[in-house]
Amino acid sequence: MGTSSILMLAVGLLTILAGAKIFTNGIEWLGKKLNLSEGAVGSVLAAVGTALPETMVPLIAILFAPSGTATEVGIGAILGAPFMLSTLAFGVVGVSKMVFCRGEGGNRCIDVKRSLLMRDLKYFICFYSLAVAAAFIPYMEIKVLIALTLVMGYVYYVIKTLGDGDTLSELDIPPLYFLKKSEDPPLSVILLQVAFSLGLIAFGAQYFVDAVSALAAETMMPALILSIIITPIATELPEKFNSIIWVKGGKDTLAMGNITGAMVFQGSIIPTIGILLTPWSISPLAALSAGLALLSSIIIYLIVAWRRELRAIYMIYPVAIYGIFLLIILTTL
């Protein structure tokens, strides 16, 4: 195992973490400056912003390398992102809550606005079910209709989200990193910090994935393990780190919204591109990951609907679902 690959891995990881830290601070100030709600900042601005770097992987595969293998990789990446978010990322929030809230608070409720969480999950389950169903429909006309429905549905979701909830003005936000002495930094500096942090996250994510690929080659790791397990975990690191930072700061709505909002975006807009630009036929393994992503989301939705709260310990169910998927993959190698 090469020292250089491990060093690259560490550098990529630290770069993503630094970018996530700068991004969460900048996006909070952007939300405050634009007088947006927690739901809008977490589920739209932060979710779409941090989803863009890993979104480029399937888009580049589909648009610029339209061979059969590249198309399969692109479709797999499109379906893999929501699966990772709805299983491992949920687990990260639960574990973070238990770590940062010691004592009796370690198993307390994740303090997320119930209506916002249920809304995000409801839209994701609806949109993603439509996107997956499109893979089993042989008629292109119906697929195009589904793609248009997904786009219009996401636009409606954004409109609803932007006008929902309390504004960030009531939250305690630390000074903007790029202008720490200012109590009211200008919008231009805030946007500059957000853009810089996204660039840092994108660079770190690409560097990390390259390091993982090099390490896999050195250790002769099977390509299936790399493409389905290792790389998706790496590309979803921005959302996970952002959520950890927000949980630590007591901003659970932003933490969960960052994940569920990314799920809605990656369960509607990104599959639309796949539907329109590829044959959009999925392998049994990809179909299994999509089904488990929906199952995990439905379980959390039902728990919140029935118990009217979301305890950190409940996040063990999504992690268990990921474990089942991992076990299936390892037994079929």
Protein backbone atom coordinates (compact mmCIF):
# COMPACT_ATOMS: atom_id res chain seq x y z
CA MET A 1 0.00 0.00 0.00
CA GLY A 2 1.69 3.23 -1.19
CA THR A 3 2.34 6.08 1.23
CA SER A 4 1.68 8.60 -1.54
CA SER A 5 -1.88 7.32 -2.10
CA ILE A 6 -2.67 7.48 1.61
CA LEU A 7 -1.25 11.01 1.74
CA MET A 8 -3.40 12.01 -1.24
CA LEU A 9 -6.41 10.50 0.52
CA ALA A 10 -5.72 12.58 3.64
CA VAL A 11 -5.18 15.78 1.65
CA GLY A 12 -8.43 15.27 -0.27
CA LEU A 13 -10.35 14.57 2.93
CA LEU A 14 -8.97 17.65 4.72
CA THR A 15 -9.67 19.83 1.68
CA ILE A 16 -13.31 18.70 1.59
CA LEU A 17 -13.64 19.31 5.32
CA ALA A 18 -12.16 22.81 5.04
CA GLY A 19 -14.43 23.59 2.08
CA ALA A 20 -17.50 22.31 3.95
CA LYS A 21 -16.65 24.47 6.99
CA ILE A 22 -16.28 27.60 4.85
CA PHE A 23 -19.39 26.70 2.83
CA THR A 24 -21.71 26.24 5.81
CA ASN A 25 -20.66 29.63 7.19
CA GLY A 26 -21.11 31.34 3.81
CA ILE A 27 -24.44 29.70 3.01
CA GLU A 28 -25.83 30.69 6.43
CA TRP A 29 -24.91 34.31 5.76
CA LEU A 30 -26.37 34.10 2.25
CA GLY A 31 -29.64 32.85 3.70
CA LYS A 32 -29.65 35.61 6.30
CA LYS A 33 -28.82 38.26 3.70
CA LEU A 34 -31.63 37.08 1.39
CA ASN A 35 -34.01 36.67 4.36
CA LEU A 36 -34.56 32.98 3.57
CA SER A 37 -35.89 30.24 5.83
CA GLU A 38 -33.91 27.36 7.32
CA GLY A 39 -35.72 25.02 4.93
CA ALA A 40 -34.74 27.10 1.90
CA VAL A 41 -31.10 27.35 2.95
CA GLY A 42 -30.70 23.69 3.94
CA SER A 43 -32.93 21.99 1.35
CA VAL A 44 -32.23 24.21 -1.66
CA LEU A 45 -29.09 26.38 -1.47
CA ALA A 46 -26.87 24.04 0.56
CA ALA A 47 -28.30 20.86 -0.94
CA VAL A 48 -27.90 21.88 -4.59
CA GLY A 49 -24.57 23.60 -3.97
CA THR A 50 -22.88 20.59 -2.37
CA ALA A 51 -24.57 18.16 -4.78
CA LEU A 52 -23.04 19.82 -7.84
CA PRO A 53 -19.50 18.40 -7.54
CA GLU A 54 -20.56 14.74 -7.43
CA THR A 55 -23.30 15.42 -9.99
CA MET A 56 -20.60 16.18 -12.55
CA VAL A 57 -19.38 12.55 -12.48
CA PRO A 58 -22.45 11.00 -14.20
CA LEU A 59 -22.97 14.06 -16.43
CA ILE A 60 -19.44 13.89 -17.83
CA ALA A 61 -19.79 10.13 -18.34
CA ILE A 62 -23.07 10.56 -20.23
CA LEU A 63 -22.29 13.70 -22.25
CA PHE A 64 -18.64 13.28 -23.16
CA ALA A 65 -18.05 9.52 -23.12
CA PRO A 66 -21.21 8.03 -24.63
CA SER A 67 -19.92 4.49 -24.91
CA GLY A 68 -21.89 1.61 -23.46
CA THR A 69 -19.71 1.26 -20.36
CA ALA A 70 -19.61 5.01 -19.67
CA THR A 71 -23.39 5.22 -19.96
CA GLU A 72 -23.79 2.38 -17.47
CA VAL A 73 -21.39 4.14 -15.09
CA GLY A 74 -23.37 7.36 -15.49
CA ILE A 75 -26.72 5.70 -14.77
CA GLY A 76 -25.23 3.84 -11.81
CA ALA A 77 -23.85 7.07 -10.37
CA ILE A 78 -27.23 8.81 -10.79
CA LEU A 79 -29.00 6.06 -8.87
CA GLY A 80 -26.19 5.58 -6.34
CA ALA A 81 -26.18 9.12 -4.95
CA PRO A 82 -29.71 9.06 -3.46
CA PHE A 83 -28.97 5.60 -2.00
CA MET A 84 -25.88 6.83 -0.16
CA LEU A 85 -27.69 9.93 1.10
CA SER A 86 -30.76 8.03 2.32
CA THR A 87 -28.71 5.42 4.19
CA LEU A 88 -25.18 6.36 5.26
CA ALA A 89 -25.76 10.13 5.39
CA PHE A 90 -28.81 9.64 7.61
CA GLY A 91 -26.66 7.45 9.84
CA VAL A 92 -23.99 10.15 10.03
CA VAL A 93 -26.56 12.64 11.39
CA GLY A 94 -27.74 10.14 14.00
CA VAL A 95 -24.22 9.30 15.16
CA SER A 96 -23.23 12.99 15.20
CA LYS A 97 -26.21 13.80 17.38
CA MET A 98 -25.25 11.11 19.88
CA VAL A 99 -21.58 12.17 19.89
CA PHE A 100 -22.12 15.91 20.29
CA CYS A 101 -25.07 15.64 22.68
CA ARG A 102 -23.53 13.76 25.58
CA GLY A 103 -25.27 12.36 28.63
CA GLU A 104 -29.04 12.20 28.50
CA GLY A 105 -29.07 14.28 25.33
CA GLY A 106 -27.17 11.62 23.44
CA ASN A 107 -30.36 9.79 22.51
CA ARG A 108 -32.70 12.74 22.34
CA CYS A 109 -34.69 13.85 19.35
CA ILE A 110 -33.01 15.35 16.35
CA ASP A 111 -34.42 18.87 16.59
CA VAL A 112 -35.61 19.14 13.00
CA LYS A 113 -38.80 20.85 11.88
CA ARG A 114 -41.14 17.93 11.36
CA SER A 115 -43.11 19.54 8.52
CA LEU A 116 -39.96 20.35 6.53
CA LEU A 117 -38.49 16.86 6.94
CA MET A 118 -41.72 15.11 5.97
CA ARG A 119 -42.16 17.42 3.00
CA ASP A 120 -38.67 16.70 1.64
CA LEU A 121 -39.07 12.95 2.11
CA LYS A 122 -42.51 12.99 0.50
CA TYR A 123 -41.25 14.80 -2.60
CA PHE A 124 -38.19 12.53 -2.84
CA ILE A 125 -40.24 9.33 -2.59
CA CYS A 126 -42.65 10.59 -5.25
CA PHE A 127 -40.02 11.93 -7.68
CA TYR A 128 -37.57 9.06 -7.31
CA SER A 129 -40.30 6.44 -7.72
CA LEU A 130 -41.27 8.08 -11.01
CA ALA A 131 -37.65 8.23 -12.18
CA VAL A 132 -37.03 4.53 -11.40
CA ALA A 133 -40.37 3.51 -12.97
CA ALA A 134 -39.32 5.25 -16.19
CA ALA A 135 -36.54 2.67 -16.59
CA PHE A 136 -39.13 -0.08 -17.02
CA ILE A 137 -41.28 1.78 -19.57
CA PRO A 138 -40.39 0.92 -23.20
CA TYR A 139 -42.02 3.99 -24.77
CA MET A 140 -39.79 7.05 -25.13
CA GLU A 141 -42.77 9.39 -25.30
CA ILE A 142 -43.84 8.38 -21.79
CA LYS A 143 -40.26 8.66 -20.54
CA VAL A 144 -40.06 12.24 -21.85
CA LEU A 145 -43.36 13.04 -20.18
CA ILE A 146 -42.00 11.69 -16.88
CA ALA A 147 -38.82 13.76 -17.31
CA LEU A 148 -40.86 16.96 -17.82
CA THR A 149 -42.99 16.08 -14.81
CA LEU A 150 -39.87 15.69 -12.67
CA VAL A 151 -38.52 19.09 -13.72
CA MET A 152 -41.83 20.88 -13.12
CA GLY A 153 -42.22 19.03 -9.83
CA TYR A 154 -38.80 20.17 -8.63
CA VAL A 155 -39.52 23.77 -9.59
CA TYR A 156 -42.76 23.57 -7.59
CA TYR A 157 -40.84 22.07 -4.65
CA VAL A 158 -38.33 24.95 -4.71
CA ILE A 159 -41.09 27.57 -4.80
CA LYS A 160 -42.82 25.92 -1.84
CA THR A 161 -39.56 25.62 0.09
CA LEU A 162 -38.45 29.22 -0.43
CA GLY A 163 -41.62 30.51 1.19
CA ASP A 164 -41.75 28.09 4.12
CA GLY A 165 -40.50 28.46 7.68
CA ASP A 166 -38.73 31.03 9.84
CA THR A 167 -35.83 33.11 8.55
CA LEU A 168 -32.21 32.61 9.55
CA SER A 169 -32.09 36.08 11.11
CA GLU A 170 -33.03 34.52 14.46
CA LEU A 171 -30.13 32.04 14.43
CA ASP A 172 -26.75 32.71 16.02
CA ILE A 173 -24.38 32.88 13.05
CA PRO A 174 -20.61 33.36 13.57
CA PRO A 175 -18.87 36.16 11.60
CA LEU A 176 -18.27 35.59 7.89
CA TYR A 177 -14.85 33.98 7.51
CA PHE A 178 -13.88 36.25 4.61
CA LEU A 179 -14.80 39.42 6.55
CA LYS A 180 -14.73 38.58 10.25
CA LYS A 181 -14.79 42.18 11.52
CA SER A 182 -18.00 43.07 9.69
CA GLU A 183 -21.39 42.60 11.36
CA ASP A 184 -23.15 43.03 8.01
CA PRO A 185 -20.87 41.81 5.19
CA PRO A 186 -21.81 42.78 1.60
CA LEU A 187 -23.52 40.22 -0.62
CA SER A 188 -20.57 40.21 -3.04
CA VAL A 189 -18.15 38.98 -0.36
CA ILE A 190 -20.65 36.35 0.82
CA LEU A 191 -21.05 35.04 -2.74
CA LEU A 192 -17.27 35.04 -3.18
CA GLN A 193 -16.87 32.88 -0.06
CA VAL A 194 -19.60 30.45 -1.19
CA ALA A 195 -18.04 30.16 -4.68
CA PHE A 196 -14.56 29.64 -3.21
CA SER A 197 -15.80 26.95 -0.82
CA LEU A 198 -17.62 25.08 -3.61
CA GLY A 199 -14.44 25.14 -5.68
CA LEU A 200 -12.50 23.81 -2.70
CA ILE A 201 -15.07 21.03 -2.16
CA ALA A 202 -15.03 20.08 -5.86
CA PHE A 203 -11.23 19.99 -5.94
CA GLY A 204 -11.04 17.97 -2.73
CA ALA A 205 -13.70 15.51 -3.89
CA GLN A 206 -11.93 14.92 -7.21
CA TYR A 207 -8.58 14.57 -5.47
CA PHE A 208 -10.08 12.12 -2.97
CA VAL A 209 -11.70 9.99 -5.69
CA ASP A 210 -8.43 9.90 -7.65
CA ALA A 211 -6.62 8.78 -4.50
CA VAL A 212 -9.20 6.07 -3.87
CA SER A 213 -8.79 4.85 -7.47
CA ALA A 214 -5.00 4.75 -7.11
CA LEU A 215 -5.27 2.90 -3.79
CA ALA A 216 -7.69 0.42 -5.33
CA ALA A 217 -5.26 -0.26 -8.18
CA GLU A 218 -2.37 -0.78 -5.74
CA THR A 219 -4.35 -3.19 -3.58
CA MET A 220 -6.05 -4.84 -6.60
CA MET A 221 -9.49 -3.98 -5.25
CA PRO A 222 -12.31 -5.31 -7.48
CA ALA A 223 -13.75 -2.67 -9.83
CA LEU A 224 -17.26 -3.45 -8.59
CA ILE A 225 -16.32 -2.54 -5.02
CA LEU A 226 -14.72 0.70 -6.22
CA SER A 227 -17.59 1.84 -8.45
CA ILE A 228 -20.53 0.88 -6.25
CA ILE A 229 -19.22 1.25 -2.70
CA ILE A 230 -16.04 3.32 -2.34
CA THR A 231 -16.47 6.12 -4.89
CA PRO A 232 -20.11 7.01 -4.02
CA ILE A 233 -19.18 7.29 -0.34
CA ALA A 234 -16.34 9.63 -1.27
CA THR A 235 -18.43 11.85 -3.53
CA GLU A 236 -21.14 12.28 -0.88
CA LEU A 237 -18.64 13.51 1.72
CA PRO A 238 -19.58 17.23 1.31
CA GLU A 239 -23.17 16.64 2.46
CA LYS A 240 -21.99 14.45 5.34
CA PHE A 241 -19.43 16.99 6.56
CA ASN A 242 -21.85 19.90 6.25
CA SER A 243 -24.42 18.00 8.30
CA ILE A 244 -21.87 17.11 11.01
CA ILE A 245 -20.89 20.77 11.29
CA TRP A 246 -24.51 21.87 11.58
CA VAL A 247 -25.40 19.15 14.13
CA LYS A 248 -22.44 20.23 16.24
CA GLY A 249 -23.75 23.81 16.07
CA GLY A 250 -27.24 22.74 17.15
CA LYS A 251 -28.75 23.46 13.73
CA ASP A 252 -30.44 20.12 13.09
CA THR A 253 -32.94 21.45 10.54
CA LEU A 254 -30.09 22.68 8.35
CA ALA A 255 -28.24 19.38 8.85
CA MET A 256 -31.16 17.19 7.77
CA GLY A 257 -32.29 19.64 5.08
CA ASN A 258 -28.86 19.51 3.48
CA ILE A 259 -29.28 15.75 3.02
CA THR A 260 -32.99 15.50 2.19
CA GLY A 261 -32.83 18.51 -0.13
CA ALA A 262 -29.93 16.91 -2.00
CA MET A 263 -32.01 13.73 -2.22
CA VAL A 264 -34.90 15.64 -3.84
CA PHE A 265 -32.53 17.32 -6.32
CA GLN A 266 -30.70 14.09 -7.17
CA GLY A 267 -33.95 12.15 -7.31
CA SER A 268 -35.55 14.47 -9.89
CA ILE A 269 -33.29 16.80 -11.91
CA ILE A 270 -30.34 14.43 -12.36
CA PRO A 271 -32.47 11.38 -13.37
CA THR A 272 -34.19 13.67 -15.89
CA ILE A 273 -30.86 14.10 -17.68
CA GLY A 274 -30.35 10.34 -17.65
CA ILE A 275 -33.85 9.71 -19.00
CA LEU A 276 -33.41 12.17 -21.87
CA LEU A 277 -29.81 11.38 -22.85
CA THR A 278 -29.49 7.63 -22.26
CA PRO A 279 -31.60 4.50 -22.92
CA TRP A 280 -32.32 4.67 -19.15
CA SER A 281 -32.34 0.94 -18.52
CA ILE A 282 -30.95 -0.13 -15.15
CA SER A 283 -29.16 -3.26 -13.97
CA PRO A 284 -30.60 -5.48 -11.21
CA LEU A 285 -27.99 -4.17 -8.75
CA ALA A 286 -28.83 -0.54 -9.56
CA ALA A 287 -32.54 -1.33 -9.24
CA LEU A 288 -31.86 -2.90 -5.83
CA SER A 289 -30.03 0.22 -4.63
CA ALA A 290 -32.91 2.40 -5.83
CA GLY A 291 -35.46 0.21 -4.08
CA LEU A 292 -33.49 0.26 -0.83
CA ALA A 293 -33.14 4.06 -1.03
CA LEU A 294 -36.92 4.34 -1.25
CA LEU A 295 -37.37 1.81 1.56
CA SER A 296 -35.03 3.75 3.87
CA SER A 297 -36.82 7.03 3.12
CA ILE A 298 -40.26 5.48 3.67
CA ILE A 299 -39.17 4.02 7.03
CA ILE A 300 -37.94 7.39 8.31
CA TYR A 301 -41.05 9.12 6.93
CA LEU A 302 -43.37 6.66 8.72
CA ILE A 303 -41.42 6.93 11.98
CA VAL A 304 -41.72 10.73 11.97
CA ALA A 305 -45.40 10.54 10.96
CA TRP A 306 -46.31 8.03 13.68
CA ARG A 307 -44.06 9.09 16.56
CA ARG A 308 -43.98 12.80 15.63
CA GLU A 309 -40.27 12.91 16.46
CA LEU A 310 -36.97 11.67 15.10
CA ARG A 311 -34.61 10.20 17.68
CA ALA A 312 -30.97 9.73 16.82
CA ILE A 313 -31.21 6.00 17.50
CA TYR A 314 -33.80 5.61 14.73
CA MET A 315 -31.06 6.35 12.20
CA ILE A 316 -29.78 2.83 12.75
CA TYR A 317 -32.43 1.57 10.30
CA PRO A 318 -30.97 3.36 7.22
CA VAL A 319 -27.47 2.16 8.20
CA ALA A 320 -28.78 -1.41 8.51
CA ILE A 321 -30.29 -1.14 5.02
CA TYR A 322 -26.91 -0.07 3.65
CA GLY A 323 -25.35 -3.02 5.48
CA ILE A 324 -27.79 -5.39 3.77
CA PHE A 325 -26.85 -3.96 0.37
CA LEU A 326 -23.15 -4.29 1.17
CA LEU A 327 -23.65 -7.91 2.25
CA ILE A 328 -25.49 -8.71 -1.00
CA ILE A 329 -22.66 -7.22 -3.07
CA LEU A 330 -19.93 -9.06 -1.19
CA THR A 331 -21.74 -12.40 -1.46
CA THR A 332 -22.23 -11.99 -5.21
CA LEU A 333 -18.61 -11.18 -6.07
